[in-house]
Full PDB file with SEQRES, HELIX, SHEET, SSBOND, CRYST1, ORIGX, SCALE, CONECT and MASTER records, all heavy atoms in Angstrom:
SEQRES   1 A   39  MET ASN SER LEU LYS PHE GLU ASP THR ALA VAL TYR TYR          
SEQRES   2 A   39  CYS ASN GLY TYR LEU LYS ALA ILE GLY SER PRO PRO ALA          
SEQRES   3 A   39  ASP TYR TRP GLY GLN GLY THR GLN VAL THR VAL PHE SER          
HELIX    1 AA1 PHE A    6  ASP A    8  5                                   3    
SHEET    1 AA1 2 ALA A  10  TYR A  12  0                                        
SHEET    2 AA1 2 THR A  33  VAL A  35 -1                                        
SHEET    1 AA2 2 ASN A  15  LEU A  18  0                                        
SHEET    2 AA2 2 ALA A  26  TRP A  29 -1                                        
CRYST1    1.000    1.000    1.000  90.00  90.00  90.00 P 1           1          
ORIGX1      1.000000  0.000000  0.000000        0.00000                         
ORIGX2      0.000000  1.000000  0.000000        0.00000                         
ORIGX3      0.000000  0.000000  1.000000        0.00000                         
SCALE1      1.000000  0.000000  0.000000        0.00000                         
SCALE2      0.000000  1.000000  0.000000        0.00000                         
SCALE3      0.000000  0.000000  1.000000        0.00000                         
ATOM      1  N   MET A   1     -68.962 -45.090 -98.422  1.00  0.00           N  
ATOM      2  CA  MET A   1     -69.618 -43.868 -98.865  1.00  0.00           C  
ATOM      3  C   MET A   1     -69.147 -43.532-100.276  1.00  0.00           C  
ATOM      4  O   MET A   1     -67.957 -43.303-100.496  1.00  0.00           O  
ATOM      5  CB  MET A   1     -69.322 -42.714 -97.905  1.00  0.00           C  
ATOM      6  CG  MET A   1     -69.697 -43.007 -96.459  1.00  0.00           C  
ATOM      7  SD  MET A   1     -69.444 -41.583 -95.363  1.00  0.00           S  
ATOM      8  CE  MET A   1     -67.658 -41.443 -95.436  1.00  0.00           C  
ATOM      9  N   ASN A   2     -70.082 -43.503-101.209  1.00  0.00           N  
ATOM     10  CA  ASN A   2     -69.795 -43.189-102.601  1.00  0.00           C  
ATOM     11  C   ASN A   2     -70.557 -41.941-103.030  1.00  0.00           C  
ATOM     12  O   ASN A   2     -71.515 -41.525-102.388  1.00  0.00           O  
ATOM     13  CB  ASN A   2     -70.172 -44.364-103.511  1.00  0.00           C  
ATOM     14  CG  ASN A   2     -69.432 -45.637-103.179  1.00  0.00           C  
ATOM     15  OD1 ASN A   2     -68.237 -45.621-102.889  1.00  0.00           O  
ATOM     16  ND2 ASN A   2     -70.135 -46.766-103.237  1.00  0.00           N  
ATOM     17  N   SER A   3     -70.135 -41.369-104.146  1.00  0.00           N  
ATOM     18  CA  SER A   3     -70.789 -40.179-104.703  1.00  0.00           C  
ATOM     19  C   SER A   3     -70.994 -39.112-103.637  1.00  0.00           C  
ATOM     20  O   SER A   3     -72.078 -38.545-103.490  1.00  0.00           O  
ATOM     21  CB  SER A   3     -72.127 -40.564-105.342  1.00  0.00           C  
ATOM     22  OG  SER A   3     -71.945 -41.524-106.363  1.00  0.00           O  
ATOM     23  N   LEU A   4     -69.946 -38.825-102.903  1.00  0.00           N  
ATOM     24  CA  LEU A   4     -70.046 -37.915-101.765  1.00  0.00           C  
ATOM     25  C   LEU A   4     -70.391 -36.496-102.200  1.00  0.00           C  
ATOM     26  O   LEU A   4     -69.955 -36.024-103.261  1.00  0.00           O  
ATOM     27  CB  LEU A   4     -68.748 -37.930-100.968  1.00  0.00           C  
ATOM     28  CG  LEU A   4     -68.583 -39.162-100.075  1.00  0.00           C  
ATOM     29  CD1 LEU A   4     -67.132 -39.351 -99.676  1.00  0.00           C  
ATOM     30  CD2 LEU A   4     -69.467 -39.031 -98.835  1.00  0.00           C  
ATOM     31  N   LYS A   5     -71.184 -35.840-101.379  1.00  0.00           N  
ATOM     32  CA  LYS A   5     -71.642 -34.475-101.615  1.00  0.00           C  
ATOM     33  C   LYS A   5     -71.184 -33.565-100.480  1.00  0.00           C  
ATOM     34  O   LYS A   5     -70.833 -34.034 -99.401  1.00  0.00           O  
ATOM     35  CB  LYS A   5     -73.176 -34.437-101.702  1.00  0.00           C  
ATOM     36  CG  LYS A   5     -73.793 -35.399-102.694  1.00  0.00           C  
ATOM     37  CD  LYS A   5     -75.305 -35.376-102.583  1.00  0.00           C  
ATOM     38  CE  LYS A   5     -75.946 -36.329-103.562  1.00  0.00           C  
ATOM     39  NZ  LYS A   5     -77.427 -36.329-103.442  1.00  0.00           N  
ATOM     40  N   PHE A   6     -71.222 -32.254-100.734  1.00  0.00           N  
ATOM     41  CA  PHE A   6     -70.888 -31.296 -99.682  1.00  0.00           C  
ATOM     42  C   PHE A   6     -71.739 -31.527 -98.438  1.00  0.00           C  
ATOM     43  O   PHE A   6     -71.246 -31.367 -97.312  1.00  0.00           O  
ATOM     44  CB  PHE A   6     -71.087 -29.864-100.179  1.00  0.00           C  
ATOM     45  CG  PHE A   6     -70.109 -29.435-101.230  1.00  0.00           C  
ATOM     46  CD1 PHE A   6     -70.550 -29.074-102.489  1.00  0.00           C  
ATOM     47  CD2 PHE A   6     -68.749 -29.374-100.960  1.00  0.00           C  
ATOM     48  CE1 PHE A   6     -69.657 -28.664-103.465  1.00  0.00           C  
ATOM     49  CE2 PHE A   6     -67.846 -28.972-101.934  1.00  0.00           C  
ATOM     50  CZ  PHE A   6     -68.302 -28.616-103.187  1.00  0.00           C  
ATOM     51  N   GLU A   7     -72.996 -31.890 -98.630  1.00  0.00           N  
ATOM     52  CA  GLU A   7     -73.928 -32.093 -97.523  1.00  0.00           C  
ATOM     53  C   GLU A   7     -73.565 -33.275 -96.635  1.00  0.00           C  
ATOM     54  O   GLU A   7     -74.126 -33.426 -95.548  1.00  0.00           O  
ATOM     55  CB  GLU A   7     -75.356 -32.286 -98.052  1.00  0.00           C  
ATOM     56  CG  GLU A   7     -75.817 -31.195 -99.000  1.00  0.00           C  
ATOM     57  CD  GLU A   7     -75.507 -31.526-100.446  1.00  0.00           C  
ATOM     58  OE1 GLU A   7     -76.303 -32.254-101.073  1.00  0.00           O  
ATOM     59  OE2 GLU A   7     -74.463 -31.052-100.954  1.00  0.00           O  
ATOM     60  N   ASP A   8     -72.661 -34.132 -97.091  1.00  0.00           N  
ATOM     61  CA  ASP A   8     -72.231 -35.272 -96.287  1.00  0.00           C  
ATOM     62  C   ASP A   8     -71.173 -34.890 -95.256  1.00  0.00           C  
ATOM     63  O   ASP A   8     -70.802 -35.715 -94.414  1.00  0.00           O  
ATOM     64  CB  ASP A   8     -71.688 -36.388 -97.179  1.00  0.00           C  
ATOM     65  CG  ASP A   8     -72.749 -36.966 -98.103  1.00  0.00           C  
ATOM     66  OD1 ASP A   8     -73.887 -37.173 -97.648  1.00  0.00           O  
ATOM     67  OD2 ASP A   8     -72.430 -37.207 -99.285  1.00  0.00           O  
ATOM     68  N   THR A   9     -70.676 -33.678 -95.321  1.00  0.00           N  
ATOM     69  CA  THR A   9     -69.668 -33.220 -94.372  1.00  0.00           C  
ATOM     70  C   THR A   9     -70.232 -33.248 -92.956  1.00  0.00           C  
ATOM     71  O   THR A   9     -71.262 -32.640 -92.674  1.00  0.00           O  
ATOM     72  CB  THR A   9     -69.192 -31.805 -94.716  1.00  0.00           C  
ATOM     73  OG1 THR A   9     -68.525 -31.818 -95.981  1.00  0.00           O  
ATOM     74  CG2 THR A   9     -68.231 -31.282 -93.661  1.00  0.00           C  
ATOM     75  N   ALA A  10     -69.558 -33.964 -92.063  1.00  0.00           N  
ATOM     76  CA  ALA A  10     -70.028 -34.116 -90.693  1.00  0.00           C  
ATOM     77  C   ALA A  10     -69.022 -34.943 -89.906  1.00  0.00           C  
ATOM     78  O   ALA A  10     -68.089 -35.525 -90.472  1.00  0.00           O  
ATOM     79  CB  ALA A  10     -71.400 -34.805 -90.657  1.00  0.00           C  
ATOM     80  N   VAL A  11     -69.224 -34.988 -88.603  1.00  0.00           N  
ATOM     81  CA  VAL A  11     -68.532 -35.964 -87.771  1.00  0.00           C  
ATOM     82  C   VAL A  11     -69.377 -37.226 -87.757  1.00  0.00           C  
ATOM     83  O   VAL A  11     -70.574 -37.177 -87.456  1.00  0.00           O  
ATOM     84  CB  VAL A  11     -68.307 -35.459 -86.338  1.00  0.00           C  
ATOM     85  CG1 VAL A  11     -67.623 -36.528 -85.490  1.00  0.00           C  
ATOM     86  CG2 VAL A  11     -67.466 -34.189 -86.348  1.00  0.00           C  
ATOM     87  N   TYR A  12     -68.776 -38.343 -88.095  1.00  0.00           N  
ATOM     88  CA  TYR A  12     -69.480 -39.620 -88.155  1.00  0.00           C  
ATOM     89  C   TYR A  12     -69.149 -40.447 -86.920  1.00  0.00           C  
ATOM     90  O   TYR A  12     -67.980 -40.617 -86.562  1.00  0.00           O  
ATOM     91  CB  TYR A  12     -69.098 -40.382 -89.423  1.00  0.00           C  
ATOM     92  CG  TYR A  12     -69.747 -39.825 -90.665  1.00  0.00           C  
ATOM     93  CD1 TYR A  12     -69.349 -38.602 -91.189  1.00  0.00           C  
ATOM     94  CD2 TYR A  12     -70.786 -40.510 -91.302  1.00  0.00           C  
ATOM     95  CE1 TYR A  12     -69.954 -38.072 -92.309  1.00  0.00           C  
ATOM     96  CE2 TYR A  12     -71.393 -39.988 -92.431  1.00  0.00           C  
ATOM     97  CZ  TYR A  12     -70.977 -38.773 -92.928  1.00  0.00           C  
ATOM     98  OH  TYR A  12     -71.585 -38.256 -94.049  1.00  0.00           O  
ATOM     99  N   TYR A  13     -70.204 -40.969 -86.279  1.00  0.00           N  
ATOM    100  CA  TYR A  13     -70.067 -41.734 -85.058  1.00  0.00           C  
ATOM    101  C   TYR A  13     -70.559 -43.158 -85.248  1.00  0.00           C  
ATOM    102  O   TYR A  13     -71.616 -43.380 -85.834  1.00  0.00           O  
ATOM    103  CB  TYR A  13     -70.867 -41.105 -83.917  1.00  0.00           C  
ATOM    104  CG  TYR A  13     -70.419 -39.715 -83.524  1.00  0.00           C  
ATOM    105  CD1 TYR A  13     -70.961 -38.595 -84.123  1.00  0.00           C  
ATOM    106  CD2 TYR A  13     -69.454 -39.539 -82.536  1.00  0.00           C  
ATOM    107  CE1 TYR A  13     -70.559 -37.322 -83.760  1.00  0.00           C  
ATOM    108  CE2 TYR A  13     -69.047 -38.269 -82.168  1.00  0.00           C  
ATOM    109  CZ  TYR A  13     -69.599 -37.168 -82.779  1.00  0.00           C  
ATOM    110  OH  TYR A  13     -69.201 -35.908 -82.412  1.00  0.00           O  
ATOM    111  N   CYS A  14     -69.823 -44.101 -84.726  1.00  0.00           N  
ATOM    112  CA  CYS A  14     -70.240 -45.494 -84.710  1.00  0.00           C  
ATOM    113  C   CYS A  14     -70.996 -45.779 -83.422  1.00  0.00           C  
ATOM    114  O   CYS A  14     -70.600 -45.319 -82.343  1.00  0.00           O  
ATOM    115  CB  CYS A  14     -69.015 -46.406 -84.813  1.00  0.00           C  
ATOM    116  SG  CYS A  14     -69.388 -48.171 -84.707  1.00  0.00           S  
ATOM    117  N   ASN A  15     -72.086 -46.515 -83.532  1.00  0.00           N  
ATOM    118  CA  ASN A  15     -72.879 -46.929 -82.380  1.00  0.00           C  
ATOM    119  C   ASN A  15     -73.090 -48.435 -82.418  1.00  0.00           C  
ATOM    120  O   ASN A  15     -73.401 -48.994 -83.465  1.00  0.00           O  
ATOM    121  CB  ASN A  15     -74.229 -46.217 -82.371  1.00  0.00           C  
ATOM    122  CG  ASN A  15     -75.213 -46.842 -81.389  1.00  0.00           C  
ATOM    123  OD1 ASN A  15     -76.059 -47.661 -81.773  1.00  0.00           O  
ATOM    124  ND2 ASN A  15     -75.104 -46.458 -80.130  1.00  0.00           N  
ATOM    125  N   GLY A  16     -72.929 -49.066 -81.280  1.00  0.00           N  
ATOM    126  CA  GLY A  16     -73.187 -50.488 -81.182  1.00  0.00           C  
ATOM    127  C   GLY A  16     -74.101 -50.787 -80.011  1.00  0.00           C  
ATOM    128  O   GLY A  16     -73.881 -50.287 -78.905  1.00  0.00           O  
ATOM    129  N   TYR A  17     -75.141 -51.575 -80.269  1.00  0.00           N  
ATOM    130  CA  TYR A  17     -75.969 -52.095 -79.185  1.00  0.00           C  
ATOM    131  C   TYR A  17     -75.499 -53.526 -78.953  1.00  0.00           C  
ATOM    132  O   TYR A  17     -75.661 -54.385 -79.824  1.00  0.00           O  
ATOM    133  CB  TYR A  17     -77.450 -52.049 -79.538  1.00  0.00           C  
ATOM    134  CG  TYR A  17     -78.342 -52.509 -78.411  1.00  0.00           C  
ATOM    135  CD1 TYR A  17     -78.473 -51.750 -77.257  1.00  0.00           C  
ATOM    136  CD2 TYR A  17     -79.054 -53.704 -78.499  1.00  0.00           C  
ATOM    137  CE1 TYR A  17     -79.279 -52.166 -76.214  1.00  0.00           C  
ATOM    138  CE2 TYR A  17     -79.861 -54.127 -77.456  1.00  0.00           C  
ATOM    139  CZ  TYR A  17     -79.975 -53.354 -76.313  1.00  0.00           C  
ATOM    140  OH  TYR A  17     -80.774 -53.766 -75.282  1.00  0.00           O  
ATOM    141  N   LEU A  18     -74.895 -53.758 -77.801  1.00  0.00           N  
ATOM    142  CA  LEU A  18     -74.244 -55.036 -77.572  1.00  0.00           C  
ATOM    143  C   LEU A  18     -74.291 -55.421 -76.108  1.00  0.00           C  
ATOM    144  O   LEU A  18     -74.600 -54.613 -75.241  1.00  0.00           O  
ATOM    145  CB  LEU A  18     -72.791 -54.981 -78.067  1.00  0.00           C  
ATOM    146  CG  LEU A  18     -71.878 -53.910 -77.465  1.00  0.00           C  
ATOM    147  CD1 LEU A  18     -71.235 -54.387 -76.162  1.00  0.00           C  
ATOM    148  CD2 LEU A  18     -70.792 -53.522 -78.468  1.00  0.00           C  
ATOM    149  N   LYS A  19     -73.962 -56.674 -75.870  1.00  0.00           N  
ATOM    150  CA  LYS A  19     -73.856 -57.172 -74.516  1.00  0.00           C  
ATOM    151  C   LYS A  19     -72.400 -57.482 -74.219  1.00  0.00           C  
ATOM    152  O   LYS A  19     -71.773 -58.277 -74.923  1.00  0.00           O  
ATOM    153  CB  LYS A  19     -74.704 -58.428 -74.315  1.00  0.00           C  
ATOM    154  CG  LYS A  19     -74.542 -59.038 -72.924  1.00  0.00           C  
ATOM    155  CD  LYS A  19     -75.505 -60.185 -72.688  1.00  0.00           C  
ATOM    156  CE  LYS A  19     -75.128 -60.970 -71.434  1.00  0.00           C  
ATOM    157  NZ  LYS A  19     -74.909 -60.107 -70.250  1.00  0.00           N  
ATOM    158  N   ALA A  20     -71.883 -56.855 -73.191  1.00  0.00           N  
ATOM    159  CA  ALA A  20     -70.560 -57.178 -72.687  1.00  0.00           C  
ATOM    160  C   ALA A  20     -70.670 -58.289 -71.655  1.00  0.00           C  
ATOM    161  O   ALA A  20     -71.680 -58.414 -70.965  1.00  0.00           O  
ATOM    162  CB  ALA A  20     -69.905 -55.948 -72.068  1.00  0.00           C  
ATOM    163  N   ILE A  21     -69.646 -59.102 -71.567  1.00  0.00           N  
ATOM    164  CA  ILE A  21     -69.641 -60.173 -70.576  1.00  0.00           C  
ATOM    165  C   ILE A  21     -69.745 -59.577 -69.181  1.00  0.00           C  
ATOM    166  O   ILE A  21     -68.975 -58.689 -68.809  1.00  0.00           O  
ATOM    167  CB  ILE A  21     -68.371 -61.026 -70.710  1.00  0.00           C  
ATOM    168  CG1 ILE A  21     -68.333 -61.715 -72.074  1.00  0.00           C  
ATOM    169  CG2 ILE A  21     -68.304 -62.059 -69.592  1.00  0.00           C  
ATOM    170  CD1 ILE A  21     -67.046 -62.448 -72.356  1.00  0.00           C  
ATOM    171  N   GLY A  22     -70.738 -60.044 -68.426  1.00  0.00           N  
ATOM    172  CA  GLY A  22     -70.933 -59.562 -67.069  1.00  0.00           C  
ATOM    173  C   GLY A  22     -71.768 -58.308 -66.949  1.00  0.00           C  
ATOM    174  O   GLY A  22     -71.942 -57.790 -65.841  1.00  0.00           O  
ATOM    175  N   SER A  23     -72.292 -57.807 -68.068  1.00  0.00           N  
ATOM    176  CA  SER A  23     -73.092 -56.591 -68.077  1.00  0.00           C  
ATOM    177  C   SER A  23     -74.330 -56.786 -68.935  1.00  0.00           C  
ATOM    178  O   SER A  23     -74.330 -57.603 -69.855  1.00  0.00           O  
ATOM    179  CB  SER A  23     -72.279 -55.409 -68.613  1.00  0.00           C  
ATOM    180  OG  SER A  23     -71.123 -55.184 -67.828  1.00  0.00           O  
ATOM    181  N   PRO A  24     -75.404 -56.032 -68.662  1.00  0.00           N  
ATOM    182  CA  PRO A  24     -76.595 -56.116 -69.510  1.00  0.00           C  
ATOM    183  C   PRO A  24     -76.359 -55.425 -70.848  1.00  0.00           C  
ATOM    184  O   PRO A  24     -75.416 -54.630 -70.980  1.00  0.00           O  
ATOM    185  CB  PRO A  24     -77.657 -55.377 -68.683  1.00  0.00           C  
ATOM    186  CG  PRO A  24     -76.876 -54.409 -67.859  1.00  0.00           C  
ATOM    187  CD  PRO A  24     -75.592 -55.124 -67.522  1.00  0.00           C  
ATOM    188  N   PRO A  25     -77.198 -55.715 -71.849  1.00  0.00           N  
ATOM    189  CA  PRO A  25     -77.043 -55.036 -73.145  1.00  0.00           C  
ATOM    190  C   PRO A  25     -77.129 -53.526 -72.979  1.00  0.00           C  
ATOM    191  O   PRO A  25     -77.889 -53.009 -72.155  1.00  0.00           O  
ATOM    192  CB  PRO A  25     -78.222 -55.574 -73.967  1.00  0.00           C  
ATOM    193  CG  PRO A  25     -78.551 -56.891 -73.337  1.00  0.00           C  
ATOM    194  CD  PRO A  25     -78.300 -56.698 -71.876  1.00  0.00           C  
ATOM    195  N   ALA A  26     -76.364 -52.810 -73.788  1.00  0.00           N  
ATOM    196  CA  ALA A  26     -76.332 -51.358 -73.712  1.00  0.00           C  
ATOM    197  C   ALA A  26     -75.771 -50.774 -74.997  1.00  0.00           C  
ATOM    198  O   ALA A  26     -75.174 -51.480 -75.807  1.00  0.00           O  
ATOM    199  CB  ALA A  26     -75.495 -50.900 -72.524  1.00  0.00           C  
ATOM    200  N   ASP A  27     -75.992 -49.468 -75.172  1.00  0.00           N  
ATOM    201  CA  ASP A  27     -75.427 -48.733 -76.290  1.00  0.00           C  
ATOM    202  C   ASP A  27     -74.011 -48.280 -75.977  1.00  0.00           C  
ATOM    203  O   ASP A  27     -73.727 -47.811 -74.875  1.00  0.00           O  
ATOM    204  CB  ASP A  27     -76.270 -47.503 -76.616  1.00  0.00           C  
ATOM    205  CG  ASP A  27     -77.456 -47.815 -77.502  1.00  0.00           C  
ATOM    206  OD1 ASP A  27     -77.248 -48.412 -78.578  1.00  0.00           O  
ATOM    207  OD2 ASP A  27     -78.593 -47.445 -77.121  1.00  0.00           O  
ATOM    208  N   TYR A  28     -73.136 -48.385 -76.979  1.00  0.00           N  
ATOM    209  CA  TYR A  28     -71.776 -47.893 -76.872  1.00  0.00           C  
ATOM    210  C   TYR A  28     -71.488 -47.012 -78.072  1.00  0.00           C  
ATOM    211  O   TYR A  28     -71.991 -47.254 -79.169  1.00  0.00           O  
ATOM    212  CB  TYR A  28     -70.770 -49.045 -76.808  1.00  0.00           C  
ATOM    213  CG  TYR A  28     -70.885 -49.882 -75.555  1.00  0.00           C  
ATOM    214  CD1 TYR A  28     -71.823 -50.898 -75.463  1.00  0.00           C  
ATOM    215  CD2 TYR A  28     -70.058 -49.647 -74.460  1.00  0.00           C  
ATOM    216  CE1 TYR A  28     -71.943 -51.666 -74.313  1.00  0.00           C  
ATOM    217  CE2 TYR A  28     -70.174 -50.409 -73.311  1.00  0.00           C  
ATOM    218  CZ  TYR A  28     -71.110 -51.414 -73.242  1.00  0.00           C  
ATOM    219  OH  TYR A  28     -71.227 -52.171 -72.094  1.00  0.00           O  
ATOM    220  N   TRP A  29     -70.660 -45.997 -77.862  1.00  0.00           N  
ATOM    221  CA  TRP A  29     -70.364 -45.011 -78.902  1.00  0.00           C  
ATOM    222  C   TRP A  29     -68.869 -44.861 -79.117  1.00  0.00           C  
ATOM    223  O   TRP A  29     -68.078 -44.938 -78.177  1.00  0.00           O  
ATOM    224  CB  TRP A  29     -70.941 -43.640 -78.524  1.00  0.00           C  
ATOM    225  CG  TRP A  29     -72.429 -43.591 -78.540  1.00  0.00           C  
ATOM    226  CD1 TRP A  29     -73.275 -43.899 -77.524  1.00  0.00           C  
ATOM    227  CD2 TRP A  29     -73.252 -43.204 -79.644  1.00  0.00           C  
ATOM    228  NE1 TRP A  29     -74.581 -43.725 -77.919  1.00  0.00           N  
ATOM    229  CE2 TRP A  29     -74.592 -43.300 -79.211  1.00  0.00           C  
ATOM    230  CE3 TRP A  29     -72.980 -42.782 -80.950  1.00  0.00           C  
ATOM    231  CZ2 TRP A  29     -75.666 -42.990 -80.040  1.00  0.00           C  
ATOM    232  CZ3 TRP A  29     -74.040 -42.476 -81.782  1.00  0.00           C  
ATOM    233  CH2 TRP A  29     -75.365 -42.578 -81.325  1.00  0.00           C  
ATOM    234  N   GLY A  30     -68.507 -44.634 -80.369  1.00  0.00           N  
ATOM    235  CA  GLY A  30     -67.144 -44.297 -80.696  1.00  0.00           C  
ATOM    236  C   GLY A  30     -66.886 -42.816 -80.514  1.00  0.00           C  
ATOM    237  O   GLY A  30     -67.793 -42.035 -80.188  1.00  0.00           O  
ATOM    238  N   GLN A  31     -65.653 -42.411 -80.734  1.00  0.00           N  
ATOM    239  CA  GLN A  31     -65.255 -41.019 -80.498  1.00  0.00           C  
ATOM    240  C   GLN A  31     -65.574 -40.100 -81.668  1.00  0.00           C  
ATOM    241  O   GLN A  31     -65.537 -38.878 -81.513  1.00  0.00           O  
ATOM    242  CB  GLN A  31     -63.752 -40.955 -80.193  1.00  0.00           C  
ATOM    243  CG  GLN A  31     -62.839 -40.981 -81.416  1.00  0.00           C  
ATOM    244  CD  GLN A  31     -62.761 -42.328 -82.106  1.00  0.00           C  
ATOM    245  OE1 GLN A  31     -63.252 -43.340 -81.606  1.00  0.00           O  
ATOM    246  NE2 GLN A  31     -62.122 -42.348 -83.273  1.00  0.00           N  
ATOM    247  N   GLY A  32     -65.888 -40.663 -82.818  1.00  0.00           N  
ATOM    248  CA  GLY A  32     -66.213 -39.883 -83.998  1.00  0.00           C  
ATOM    249  C   GLY A  32     -65.023 -39.698 -84.917  1.00  0.00           C  
ATOM    250  O   GLY A  32     -63.874 -39.662 -84.480  1.00  0.00           O  
ATOM    251  N   THR A  33     -65.308 -39.587 -86.207  1.00  0.00           N  
ATOM    252  CA  THR A  33     -64.285 -39.308 -87.202  1.00  0.00           C  
ATOM    253  C   THR A  33     -64.816 -38.273 -88.186  1.00  0.00           C  
ATOM    254  O   THR A  33     -65.962 -38.351 -88.632  1.00  0.00           O  
ATOM    255  CB  THR A  33     -63.836 -40.599 -87.925  1.00  0.00           C  
ATOM    256  OG1 THR A  33     -62.752 -40.308 -88.813  1.00  0.00           O  
ATOM    257  CG2 THR A  33     -64.986 -41.231 -88.713  1.00  0.00           C  
ATOM    258  N   GLN A  34     -63.999 -37.289 -88.506  1.00  0.00           N  
ATOM    259  CA  GLN A  34     -64.418 -36.172 -89.349  1.00  0.00           C  
ATOM    260  C   GLN A  34     -64.361 -36.550 -90.819  1.00  0.00           C  
ATOM    261  O   GLN A  34     -63.350 -37.067 -91.305  1.00  0.00           O  
ATOM    262  CB  GLN A  34     -63.534 -34.948 -89.094  1.00  0.00           C  
ATOM    263  CG  GLN A  34     -63.848 -33.750 -89.988  1.00  0.00           C  
ATOM    264  CD  GLN A  34     -65.162 -33.090 -89.651  1.00  0.00           C  
ATOM    265  OE1 GLN A  34     -65.437 -32.811 -88.484  1.00  0.00           O  
ATOM    266  NE2 GLN A  34     -65.981 -32.843 -90.671  1.00  0.00           N  
ATOM    267  N   VAL A  35     -65.453 -36.282 -91.527  1.00  0.00           N  
ATOM    268  CA  VAL A  35     -65.507 -36.413 -92.980  1.00  0.00           C  
ATOM    269  C   VAL A  35     -65.790 -35.038 -93.562  1.00  0.00           C  
ATOM    270  O   VAL A  35     -66.793 -34.408 -93.219  1.00  0.00           O  
ATOM    271  CB  VAL A  35     -66.594 -37.407 -93.428  1.00  0.00           C  
ATOM    272  CG1 VAL A  35     -66.762 -37.368 -94.948  1.00  0.00           C  
ATOM    273  CG2 VAL A  35     -66.253 -38.810 -92.962  1.00  0.00           C  
ATOM    274  N   THR A  36     -64.904 -34.572 -94.421  1.00  0.00           N  
ATOM    275  CA  THR A  36     -65.059 -33.260 -95.031  1.00  0.00           C  
ATOM    276  C   THR A  36     -65.024 -33.400 -96.546  1.00  0.00           C  
ATOM    277  O   THR A  36     -64.030 -33.865 -97.109  1.00  0.00           O  
ATOM    278  CB  THR A  36     -63.960 -32.291 -94.581  1.00  0.00           C  
ATOM    279  OG1 THR A  36     -63.987 -32.159 -93.156  1.00  0.00           O  
ATOM    280  CG2 THR A  36     -64.150 -30.923 -95.209  1.00  0.00           C  
ATOM    281  N   VAL A  37     -66.112 -33.008 -97.193  1.00  0.00           N  
ATOM    282  CA  VAL A  37     -66.212 -33.029 -98.649  1.00  0.00           C  
ATOM    283  C   VAL A  37     -65.985 -31.602 -99.144  1.00  0.00           C  
ATOM    284  O   VAL A  37     -66.706 -30.689 -98.747  1.00  0.00           O  
ATOM    285  CB  VAL A  37     -67.570 -33.554 -99.117  1.00  0.00           C  
ATOM    286  CG1 VAL A  37     -67.611 -33.647-100.643  1.00  0.00           C  
ATOM    287  CG2 VAL A  37     -67.858 -34.917 -98.497  1.00  0.00           C  
ATOM    288  N   PHE A  38     -64.979 -31.416 -99.994  1.00  0.00           N  
ATOM    289  CA  PHE A  38     -64.598 -30.076-100.414  1.00  0.00           C  
ATOM    290  C   PHE A  38     -64.101 -30.089-101.849  1.00  0.00           C  
ATOM    291  O   PHE A  38     -63.731 -31.132-102.390  1.00  0.00           O  
ATOM    292  CB  PHE A  38     -63.491 -29.539 -99.500  1.00  0.00           C  
ATOM    293  CG  PHE A  38     -62.148 -30.180 -99.736  1.00  0.00           C  
ATOM    294  CD1 PHE A  38     -61.148 -29.514-100.436  1.00  0.00           C  
ATOM    295  CD2 PHE A  38     -61.884 -31.453 -99.269  1.00  0.00           C  
ATOM    296  CE1 PHE A  38     -59.912 -30.101-100.663  1.00  0.00           C  
ATOM    297  CE2 PHE A  38     -60.651 -32.055 -99.481  1.00  0.00           C  
ATOM    298  CZ  PHE A  38     -59.665 -31.377-100.179  1.00  0.00           C  
ATOM    299  N   SER A  39     -64.107 -28.954-102.453  1.00  0.00           N  
ATOM    300  CA  SER A  39     -63.544 -28.755-103.785  1.00  0.00           C  
ATOM    301  C   SER A  39     -62.606 -27.571-103.812  1.00  0.00           C  
ATOM    302  O   SER A  39     -61.868 -27.378-104.768  1.00  0.00           O  
ATOM    303  CB  SER A  39     -64.664 -28.570-104.809  1.00  0.00           C  
ATOM    304  OG  SER A  39     -65.425 -27.413-104.524  1.00  0.00           O  
TER     305      SER A  39                                                      
MASTER        0    0    0    1    4    0    0    6  304    1    0    3          
END                                                                             
């Protein structure tokens, strides 16, 4: 992320559509990480 703006402030979540061994493909989500743009 470059040239960050105040509007970019949010919790960012990673999502993966993947197949685990022994399971059908599915969506998986991370716990989120906070990004805060401030001056």
